[in-house]
């Protein structure tokens, strides 16, 4: 499975961005996908995830109500609204191939995209 993230850029605080992740290869073997982010000097953290089977989603508390994840065929999107400086990070999309493991844990994911930088200016 190959993942290609795009859509990052520079935006002012309060603005919006939409990230996209294109999945190719044996995508039918995956169970769900997620978005993670890593700010300078910090560990990679979960942002949002979606399960294929029932379409259920999960969000980190820090983005709940501001970010929205959804899927359209082999694309997964992350709409980010009301951005603030704390959202500045490299954003990664990832896919997990197993039902086991939490949607929220980095270690649950097997495939990773290359990352796209989001910079929010205050």
C-alpha atoms as a PDB file:
ATOM      1  CA  UNK A   1       0.000   0.000   0.000  1.00  0.00           C
ATOM      2  CA  UNK A   2       1.353   3.391  -0.993  1.00  0.00           C
ATOM      3  CA  UNK A   3       0.101   6.633   0.503  1.00  0.00           C
ATOM      4  CA  UNK A   4       0.587  10.115  -0.893  1.00  0.00           C
ATOM      5  CA  UNK A   5      -0.365  13.073   1.287  1.00  0.00           C
ATOM      6  CA  UNK A   6      -0.875  16.564  -0.089  1.00  0.00           C
ATOM      7  CA  UNK A   7      -2.570  19.859   0.649  1.00  0.00           C
ATOM      8  CA  UNK A   8      -0.311  21.387   3.261  1.00  0.00           C
ATOM      9  CA  UNK A   9       0.744  24.994   3.185  1.00  0.00           C
ATOM     10  CA  UNK A  10       0.843  28.286   5.013  1.00  0.00           C
ATOM     11  CA  UNK A  11      -2.375  29.655   6.454  1.00  0.00           C
ATOM     12  CA  UNK A  12      -3.280  32.383   8.908  1.00  0.00           C
ATOM     13  CA  UNK A  13      -4.736  31.569  12.286  1.00  0.00           C
ATOM     14  CA  UNK A  14      -8.463  31.039  11.990  1.00  0.00           C
ATOM     15  CA  UNK A  15      -8.157  29.804   8.440  1.00  0.00           C
ATOM     16  CA  UNK A  16      -8.760  26.420   6.854  1.00  0.00           C
ATOM     17  CA  UNK A  17      -6.901  23.795   4.884  1.00  0.00           C
ATOM     18  CA  UNK A  18      -7.874  20.476   3.384  1.00  0.00           C
ATOM     19  CA  UNK A  19      -5.398  17.640   3.319  1.00  0.00           C
ATOM     20  CA  UNK A  20      -5.718  14.727   0.941  1.00  0.00           C
ATOM     21  CA  UNK A  21      -4.253  11.250   1.051  1.00  0.00           C
ATOM     22  CA  UNK A  22      -4.267   9.054  -2.015  1.00  0.00           C
ATOM     23  CA  UNK A  23      -3.973   5.340  -1.365  1.00  0.00           C
ATOM     24  CA  UNK A  24      -2.823   2.895  -4.017  1.00  0.00           C
ATOM     25  CA  UNK A  25      -1.819  -0.732  -4.168  1.00  0.00           C
ATOM     26  CA  UNK A  26      -3.520  -3.393  -2.052  1.00  0.00           C
ATOM     27  CA  UNK A  27      -5.877  -0.969  -0.368  1.00  0.00           C
ATOM     28  CA  UNK A  28      -8.496  -3.675   0.069  1.00  0.00           C
ATOM     29  CA  UNK A  29      -6.183  -5.246   2.638  1.00  0.00           C
ATOM     30  CA  UNK A  30      -6.453  -2.254   4.958  1.00  0.00           C
ATOM     31  CA  UNK A  31      -8.832  -1.790   7.836  1.00  0.00           C
ATOM     32  CA  UNK A  32      -8.743   1.958   8.227  1.00  0.00           C
ATOM     33  CA  UNK A  33      -6.712   5.086   7.888  1.00  0.00           C
ATOM     34  CA  UNK A  34      -5.616   7.910  10.069  1.00  0.00           C
ATOM     35  CA  UNK A  35      -3.955  11.279  10.124  1.00  0.00           C
ATOM     36  CA  UNK A  36      -1.095  12.000  12.468  1.00  0.00           C
ATOM     37  CA  UNK A  37       1.073  15.039  12.986  1.00  0.00           C
ATOM     38  CA  UNK A  38       4.480  15.824  14.346  1.00  0.00           C
ATOM     39  CA  UNK A  39       5.532  19.259  15.488  1.00  0.00           C
ATOM     40  CA  UNK A  40       9.209  20.191  15.882  1.00  0.00           C
ATOM     41  CA  UNK A  41      10.659  18.626  19.011  1.00  0.00           C
ATOM     42  CA  UNK A  42       7.521  16.635  19.727  1.00  0.00           C
ATOM     43  CA  UNK A  43       6.411  13.075  19.233  1.00  0.00           C
ATOM     44  CA  UNK A  44       4.083  12.091  16.450  1.00  0.00           C
ATOM     45  CA  UNK A  45       0.492  12.251  17.624  1.00  0.00           C
ATOM     46  CA  UNK A  46      -2.861  10.990  16.472  1.00  0.00           C
ATOM     47  CA  UNK A  47      -5.177  13.549  14.866  1.00  0.00           C
ATOM     48  CA  UNK A  48      -8.070  11.660  13.284  1.00  0.00           C
ATOM     49  CA  UNK A  49      -8.925   8.204  12.020  1.00  0.00           C
ATOM     50  CA  UNK A  50     -11.612   6.381  10.117  1.00  0.00           C
ATOM     51  CA  UNK A  51     -12.571   2.707   9.963  1.00  0.00           C
ATOM     52  CA  UNK A  52     -13.630   1.268   6.631  1.00  0.00           C
ATOM     53  CA  UNK A  53     -16.182  -1.221   7.886  1.00  0.00           C
ATOM     54  CA  UNK A  54     -18.710   1.032   9.585  1.00  0.00           C
ATOM     55  CA  UNK A  55     -17.230   4.398   8.676  1.00  0.00           C
ATOM     56  CA  UNK A  56     -16.775   5.295  12.317  1.00  0.00           C
ATOM     57  CA  UNK A  57     -14.303   8.048  13.071  1.00  0.00           C
ATOM     58  CA  UNK A  58     -12.229   9.240  15.974  1.00  0.00           C
ATOM     59  CA  UNK A  59     -10.534  12.527  16.764  1.00  0.00           C
ATOM     60  CA  UNK A  60      -7.942  13.783  19.165  1.00  0.00           C
ATOM     61  CA  UNK A  61      -9.450  16.062  21.786  1.00  0.00           C
ATOM     62  CA  UNK A  62      -7.333  18.951  20.522  1.00  0.00           C
ATOM     63  CA  UNK A  63      -8.975  18.905  17.084  1.00  0.00           C
ATOM     64  CA  UNK A  64     -12.443  17.570  17.828  1.00  0.00           C
ATOM     65  CA  UNK A  65     -15.030  19.950  16.452  1.00  0.00           C
ATOM     66  CA  UNK A  66     -12.523  21.688  14.185  1.00  0.00           C
ATOM     67  CA  UNK A  67     -11.253  18.869  11.962  1.00  0.00           C
ATOM     68  CA  UNK A  68     -13.249  16.425   9.870  1.00  0.00           C
ATOM     69  CA  UNK A  69     -12.052  13.189   8.300  1.00  0.00           C
ATOM     70  CA  UNK A  70     -13.835  11.343   5.546  1.00  0.00           C
ATOM     71  CA  UNK A  71     -13.213   8.857   2.791  1.00  0.00           C
ATOM     72  CA  UNK A  72     -14.089   8.802  -0.877  1.00  0.00           C
ATOM     73  CA  UNK A  73     -13.009   5.562  -2.566  1.00  0.00           C
ATOM     74  CA  UNK A  74      -9.217   5.429  -2.251  1.00  0.00           C
ATOM     75  CA  UNK A  75      -8.900   8.999  -1.005  1.00  0.00           C
ATOM     76  CA  UNK A  76      -9.003  10.141   2.602  1.00  0.00           C
ATOM     77  CA  UNK A  77      -9.430  13.808   3.432  1.00  0.00           C
ATOM     78  CA  UNK A  78      -8.869  15.935   6.474  1.00  0.00           C
ATOM     79  CA  UNK A  79     -10.699  19.242   6.563  1.00  0.00           C
ATOM     80  CA  UNK A  80      -9.062  21.533   9.076  1.00  0.00           C
ATOM     81  CA  UNK A  81     -10.943  24.623  10.222  1.00  0.00           C
ATOM     82  CA  UNK A  82     -10.264  27.271  12.837  1.00  0.00           C
ATOM     83  CA  UNK A  83      -6.562  26.545  12.648  1.00  0.00           C
ATOM     84  CA  UNK A  84      -4.252  27.894  15.290  1.00  0.00           C
ATOM     85  CA  UNK A  85      -0.502  28.005  15.781  1.00  0.00           C
ATOM     86  CA  UNK A  86      -0.567  24.767  17.793  1.00  0.00           C
ATOM     87  CA  UNK A  87      -1.723  22.955  14.655  1.00  0.00           C
ATOM     88  CA  UNK A  88       1.583  23.696  12.933  1.00  0.00           C
ATOM     89  CA  UNK A  89       3.218  20.353  12.142  1.00  0.00           C
ATOM     90  CA  UNK A  90       4.043  17.862   9.467  1.00  0.00           C
ATOM     91  CA  UNK A  91       0.913  15.843   8.828  1.00  0.00           C
ATOM     92  CA  UNK A  92       1.088  12.183   7.857  1.00  0.00           C
ATOM     93  CA  UNK A  93      -1.560   9.830   6.608  1.00  0.00           C
ATOM     94  CA  UNK A  94      -1.319   6.195   7.578  1.00  0.00           C
ATOM     95  CA  UNK A  95      -3.161   2.945   6.998  1.00  0.00           C
ATOM     96  CA  UNK A  96      -3.679   0.004   9.309  1.00  0.00           C
ATOM     97  CA  UNK A  97      -4.159  -3.468   7.894  1.00  0.00           C
ATOM     98  CA  UNK A  98      -5.545  -5.192  10.929  1.00  0.00           C
ATOM     99  CA  UNK A  99      -8.685  -4.961  13.002  1.00  0.00           C
ATOM    100  CA  UNK A 100      -6.550  -5.285  16.109  1.00  0.00           C
ATOM    101  CA  UNK A 101      -4.879  -2.274  17.610  1.00  0.00           C
ATOM    102  CA  UNK A 102      -6.460   1.017  18.455  1.00  0.00           C
ATOM    103  CA  UNK A 103      -7.278   3.530  15.757  1.00  0.00           C
ATOM    104  CA  UNK A 104      -5.619   6.107  18.020  1.00  0.00           C
ATOM    105  CA  UNK A 105      -2.181   4.515  18.391  1.00  0.00           C
ATOM    106  CA  UNK A 106       0.745   5.151  16.090  1.00  0.00           C
ATOM    107  CA  UNK A 107       1.947   1.567  16.529  1.00  0.00           C
ATOM    108  CA  UNK A 108      -1.309   0.226  15.077  1.00  0.00           C
ATOM    109  CA  UNK A 109      -0.501   1.547  11.618  1.00  0.00           C
ATOM    110  CA  UNK A 110       1.475  -0.334   9.011  1.00  0.00           C
ATOM    111  CA  UNK A 111       1.795   2.063   6.096  1.00  0.00           C
ATOM    112  CA  UNK A 112       2.781   5.728   6.122  1.00  0.00           C
ATOM    113  CA  UNK A 113       2.786   8.548   3.643  1.00  0.00           C
ATOM    114  CA  UNK A 114       5.614  11.035   3.284  1.00  0.00           C
ATOM    115  CA  UNK A 115       4.049  13.913   5.206  1.00  0.00           C
ATOM    116  CA  UNK A 116       2.858  17.368   4.257  1.00  0.00           C
ATOM    117  CA  UNK A 117       3.765  20.530   6.167  1.00  0.00           C
ATOM    118  CA  UNK A 118       1.072  22.734   7.653  1.00  0.00           C
ATOM    119  CA  UNK A 119       2.177  26.090   8.993  1.00  0.00           C
ATOM    120  CA  UNK A 120      -0.274  28.330  10.814  1.00  0.00           C
ATOM    121  CA  UNK A 121       0.824  31.901  11.308  1.00  0.00           C
ATOM    122  CA  UNK A 122      -0.509  33.819  14.290  1.00  0.00           C
END
